[in-house]
Amino acid sequence: MVTLTKGLAKLLAEQGIRVNSVAPGPIWTPLVVQEDADSAPQFGQDTPLGRPGQPADLAATYVLLASADSSYTTGAIYAITGGELTA
């Protein structure tokens, strides 16, 4: 995802097209319970913030990326992870 985002950002910048990515950590949705009801209470507890994110936690990032406030942003990866680091 990182290479694709950065490559497309560089390729499309001259055309005025910005390419960014959102890389969410554990986000609570109804699918969490449907997939594994037994482990649902522990879902996201291992993040530094100690809880899973909510869909609303991602919303502000998507709004920012869709707005003029990010007009100088391209090739960025927004990690909305509750502090969880990824390799």
N, C-alpha and C. Protein backbone atom coordinates (compact mmCIF):
# COMPACT_ATOMS: atom_id res chain seq x y z
N MET A 1 0.81 -1.18 0.00
CA MET A 1 0.00 0.00 0.00
C MET A 1 0.87 1.26 0.00
N VAL A 2 1.94 1.24 0.75
CA VAL A 2 2.81 2.41 0.82
C VAL A 2 3.44 2.70 -0.54
N THR A 3 3.99 1.68 -1.16
CA THR A 3 4.64 1.86 -2.46
C THR A 3 3.64 2.29 -3.52
N LEU A 4 2.47 1.69 -3.53
CA LEU A 4 1.43 2.06 -4.49
C LEU A 4 1.00 3.51 -4.30
N THR A 5 0.76 3.90 -3.06
CA THR A 5 0.34 5.28 -2.77
C THR A 5 1.39 6.27 -3.21
N LYS A 6 2.62 6.04 -2.83
CA LYS A 6 3.69 6.98 -3.17
C LYS A 6 3.98 7.00 -4.67
N GLY A 7 3.94 5.84 -5.30
CA GLY A 7 4.18 5.78 -6.74
C GLY A 7 3.10 6.49 -7.54
N LEU A 8 1.84 6.25 -7.18
CA LEU A 8 0.74 6.93 -7.87
C LEU A 8 0.75 8.42 -7.59
N ALA A 9 1.10 8.80 -6.37
CA ALA A 9 1.17 10.23 -6.03
C ALA A 9 2.18 10.94 -6.92
N LYS A 10 3.33 10.32 -7.10
CA LYS A 10 4.36 10.92 -7.94
C LYS A 10 3.94 10.95 -9.41
N LEU A 11 3.36 9.86 -9.87
CA LEU A 11 2.94 9.74 -11.26
C LEU A 11 1.83 10.73 -11.64
N LEU A 12 0.90 10.95 -10.73
CA LEU A 12 -0.29 11.74 -11.05
C LEU A 12 -0.23 13.19 -10.58
N ALA A 13 0.83 13.57 -9.89
CA ALA A 13 0.92 14.93 -9.35
C ALA A 13 0.84 16.00 -10.44
N GLU A 14 1.50 15.78 -11.56
CA GLU A 14 1.49 16.78 -12.64
C GLU A 14 0.09 17.03 -13.19
N GLN A 15 -0.79 16.06 -13.03
CA GLN A 15 -2.17 16.21 -13.49
C GLN A 15 -3.08 16.80 -12.42
N GLY A 16 -2.48 17.16 -11.28
CA GLY A 16 -3.26 17.74 -10.19
C GLY A 16 -4.04 16.72 -9.38
N ILE A 17 -3.68 15.46 -9.53
CA ILE A 17 -4.36 14.40 -8.78
C ILE A 17 -3.52 14.04 -7.57
N ARG A 18 -4.14 14.12 -6.41
CA ARG A 18 -3.46 13.77 -5.16
C ARG A 18 -3.84 12.34 -4.77
N VAL A 19 -2.88 11.59 -4.28
CA VAL A 19 -3.11 10.21 -3.86
C VAL A 19 -2.59 10.05 -2.44
N ASN A 20 -3.47 9.69 -1.54
CA ASN A 20 -3.13 9.46 -0.14
C ASN A 20 -3.83 8.18 0.31
N SER A 21 -3.39 7.62 1.43
CA SER A 21 -3.99 6.40 1.95
C SER A 21 -4.30 6.56 3.43
N VAL A 22 -5.31 5.83 3.86
CA VAL A 22 -5.63 5.72 5.28
C VAL A 22 -5.37 4.27 5.67
N ALA A 23 -4.54 4.08 6.69
CA ALA A 23 -4.19 2.74 7.16
C ALA A 23 -4.75 2.58 8.58
N PRO A 24 -5.97 2.08 8.70
CA PRO A 24 -6.57 1.97 10.03
C PRO A 24 -6.05 0.78 10.81
N GLY A 25 -6.03 0.96 12.11
CA GLY A 25 -5.74 -0.14 13.02
C GLY A 25 -7.04 -0.87 13.31
N PRO A 26 -7.16 -1.47 14.49
CA PRO A 26 -8.40 -2.17 14.82
C PRO A 26 -9.55 -1.18 15.00
N ILE A 27 -10.56 -1.30 14.15
CA ILE A 27 -11.73 -0.43 14.19
C ILE A 27 -12.96 -1.29 14.48
N TRP A 28 -13.71 -0.90 15.49
CA TRP A 28 -14.88 -1.66 15.91
C TRP A 28 -16.02 -1.47 14.92
N THR A 29 -16.52 -2.56 14.39
CA THR A 29 -17.70 -2.57 13.53
C THR A 29 -18.53 -3.79 13.91
N PRO A 30 -19.77 -3.88 13.49
CA PRO A 30 -20.57 -5.08 13.78
C PRO A 30 -19.95 -6.37 13.25
N LEU A 31 -19.12 -6.28 12.24
CA LEU A 31 -18.47 -7.48 11.70
C LEU A 31 -17.53 -8.14 12.70
N VAL A 32 -17.00 -7.36 13.64
CA VAL A 32 -16.10 -7.92 14.65
C VAL A 32 -16.81 -9.01 15.43
N VAL A 33 -18.03 -8.74 15.86
CA VAL A 33 -18.80 -9.72 16.63
C VAL A 33 -19.22 -10.89 15.75
N GLN A 34 -19.60 -10.61 14.52
CA GLN A 34 -20.04 -11.68 13.62
C GLN A 34 -18.93 -12.67 13.32
N GLU A 35 -17.70 -12.18 13.21
CA GLU A 35 -16.59 -13.06 12.84
C GLU A 35 -16.07 -13.88 14.01
N ASP A 36 -16.01 -13.29 15.21
CA ASP A 36 -15.45 -14.02 16.35
C ASP A 36 -16.01 -13.44 17.64
N ALA A 37 -17.20 -13.86 18.00
CA ALA A 37 -17.88 -13.32 19.18
C ALA A 37 -17.11 -13.58 20.47
N ASP A 38 -16.35 -14.67 20.54
CA ASP A 38 -15.62 -14.99 21.76
C ASP A 38 -14.50 -14.00 22.05
N SER A 39 -13.80 -13.55 21.02
CA SER A 39 -12.68 -12.65 21.25
C SER A 39 -13.06 -11.18 21.06
N ALA A 40 -14.31 -10.89 20.74
CA ALA A 40 -14.74 -9.50 20.52
C ALA A 40 -14.46 -8.59 21.72
N PRO A 41 -14.67 -9.03 22.98
CA PRO A 41 -14.39 -8.12 24.10
C PRO A 41 -12.92 -7.69 24.20
N GLN A 42 -12.00 -8.48 23.69
CA GLN A 42 -10.58 -8.14 23.74
C GLN A 42 -10.11 -7.39 22.50
N PHE A 43 -10.97 -7.25 21.50
CA PHE A 43 -10.59 -6.63 20.24
C PHE A 43 -10.08 -5.21 20.46
N GLY A 44 -8.86 -4.95 20.02
CA GLY A 44 -8.26 -3.62 20.10
C GLY A 44 -7.66 -3.27 21.45
N GLN A 45 -7.77 -4.15 22.43
CA GLN A 45 -7.26 -3.85 23.76
C GLN A 45 -5.73 -3.79 23.82
N ASP A 46 -5.06 -4.35 22.82
CA ASP A 46 -3.60 -4.36 22.82
C ASP A 46 -3.00 -3.10 22.19
N THR A 47 -3.81 -2.14 21.78
CA THR A 47 -3.26 -0.88 21.28
C THR A 47 -2.80 -0.04 22.46
N PRO A 48 -1.86 0.87 22.26
CA PRO A 48 -1.43 1.73 23.36
C PRO A 48 -2.58 2.52 24.01
N LEU A 49 -3.62 2.85 23.25
CA LEU A 49 -4.76 3.54 23.84
C LEU A 49 -5.71 2.59 24.55
N GLY A 50 -5.48 1.28 24.40
CA GLY A 50 -6.24 0.28 25.15
C GLY A 50 -7.66 0.05 24.68
N ARG A 51 -7.97 0.44 23.47
CA ARG A 51 -9.33 0.24 22.96
C ARG A 51 -9.30 0.23 21.44
N PRO A 52 -10.31 -0.35 20.82
CA PRO A 52 -10.40 -0.26 19.37
C PRO A 52 -10.90 1.13 18.97
N GLY A 53 -10.61 1.51 17.75
CA GLY A 53 -11.15 2.75 17.24
C GLY A 53 -12.60 2.56 16.82
N GLN A 54 -13.27 3.66 16.66
CA GLN A 54 -14.64 3.67 16.18
C GLN A 54 -14.63 4.21 14.75
N PRO A 55 -15.60 3.85 13.94
CA PRO A 55 -15.64 4.41 12.58
C PRO A 55 -15.55 5.93 12.56
N ALA A 56 -16.13 6.59 13.55
CA ALA A 56 -16.06 8.05 13.62
C ALA A 56 -14.63 8.55 13.81
N ASP A 57 -13.75 7.71 14.38
CA ASP A 57 -12.35 8.11 14.55
C ASP A 57 -11.65 8.25 13.21
N LEU A 58 -12.13 7.57 12.20
CA LEU A 58 -11.57 7.68 10.85
C LEU A 58 -12.17 8.84 10.07
N ALA A 59 -13.38 9.23 10.42
CA ALA A 59 -14.13 10.20 9.63
C ALA A 59 -13.39 11.51 9.42
N ALA A 60 -12.79 12.05 10.46
CA ALA A 60 -12.10 13.34 10.33
C ALA A 60 -10.97 13.27 9.31
N THR A 61 -10.29 12.15 9.25
CA THR A 61 -9.20 12.00 8.28
C THR A 61 -9.74 11.99 6.86
N TYR A 62 -10.82 11.27 6.65
CA TYR A 62 -11.43 11.24 5.31
C TYR A 62 -11.95 12.62 4.90
N VAL A 63 -12.54 13.33 5.85
CA VAL A 63 -13.03 14.69 5.56
C VAL A 63 -11.86 15.60 5.21
N LEU A 64 -10.78 15.50 5.98
CA LEU A 64 -9.59 16.31 5.69
C LEU A 64 -9.07 16.03 4.29
N LEU A 65 -8.95 14.77 3.93
CA LEU A 65 -8.42 14.41 2.62
C LEU A 65 -9.33 14.86 1.47
N ALA A 66 -10.61 14.98 1.74
CA ALA A 66 -11.55 15.42 0.71
C ALA A 66 -11.67 16.94 0.64
N SER A 67 -11.03 17.64 1.57
CA SER A 67 -11.17 19.09 1.64
C SER A 67 -9.98 19.81 1.03
N ALA A 68 -10.15 21.11 0.86
CA ALA A 68 -9.07 21.96 0.36
C ALA A 68 -7.93 22.08 1.37
N ASP A 69 -8.19 21.74 2.63
CA ASP A 69 -7.14 21.82 3.66
C ASP A 69 -5.99 20.87 3.39
N SER A 70 -6.20 19.87 2.56
CA SER A 70 -5.12 18.93 2.24
C SER A 70 -4.63 19.11 0.81
N SER A 71 -4.81 20.29 0.26
CA SER A 71 -4.46 20.52 -1.15
C SER A 71 -2.97 20.37 -1.44
N TYR A 72 -2.12 20.43 -0.41
CA TYR A 72 -0.68 20.28 -0.61
C TYR A 72 -0.20 18.93 -0.09
N THR A 73 -1.12 18.01 0.10
CA THR A 73 -0.79 16.69 0.62
C THR A 73 -0.97 15.63 -0.45
N THR A 74 0.10 14.92 -0.75
CA THR A 74 0.01 13.78 -1.66
C THR A 74 1.11 12.79 -1.29
N GLY A 75 0.82 11.52 -1.45
CA GLY A 75 1.78 10.48 -1.10
C GLY A 75 1.83 10.19 0.39
N ALA A 76 0.86 10.66 1.14
CA ALA A 76 0.86 10.48 2.59
C ALA A 76 0.07 9.23 2.99
N ILE A 77 0.54 8.59 4.05
CA ILE A 77 -0.16 7.46 4.64
C ILE A 77 -0.61 7.91 6.02
N TYR A 78 -1.90 7.97 6.25
CA TYR A 78 -2.45 8.35 7.54
C TYR A 78 -2.71 7.08 8.34
N ALA A 79 -1.95 6.88 9.40
CA ALA A 79 -2.10 5.70 10.25
C ALA A 79 -3.00 6.05 11.42
N ILE A 80 -4.22 5.56 11.40
CA ILE A 80 -5.19 5.78 12.46
C ILE A 80 -5.26 4.47 13.24
N THR A 81 -4.34 4.31 14.19
CA THR A 81 -4.11 3.00 14.78
C THR A 81 -4.21 2.94 16.30
N GLY A 82 -4.55 4.03 16.95
CA GLY A 82 -4.56 4.02 18.41
C GLY A 82 -3.16 3.89 18.99
N GLY A 83 -2.16 4.26 18.22
CA GLY A 83 -0.78 4.18 18.67
C GLY A 83 -0.08 2.89 18.33
N GLU A 84 -0.81 1.95 17.76
CA GLU A 84 -0.22 0.66 17.38
C GLU A 84 0.76 0.88 16.23
N LEU A 85 1.95 0.38 16.38
CA LEU A 85 2.96 0.50 15.33
C LEU A 85 2.90 -0.70 14.42
N THR A 86 3.10 -0.45 13.13
CA THR A 86 3.11 -1.55 12.18
C THR A 86 4.49 -1.66 11.55
N ALA A 87 4.86 -2.88 11.18
CA ALA A 87 6.18 -3.10 10.58
C ALA A 87 6.14 -2.86 9.10
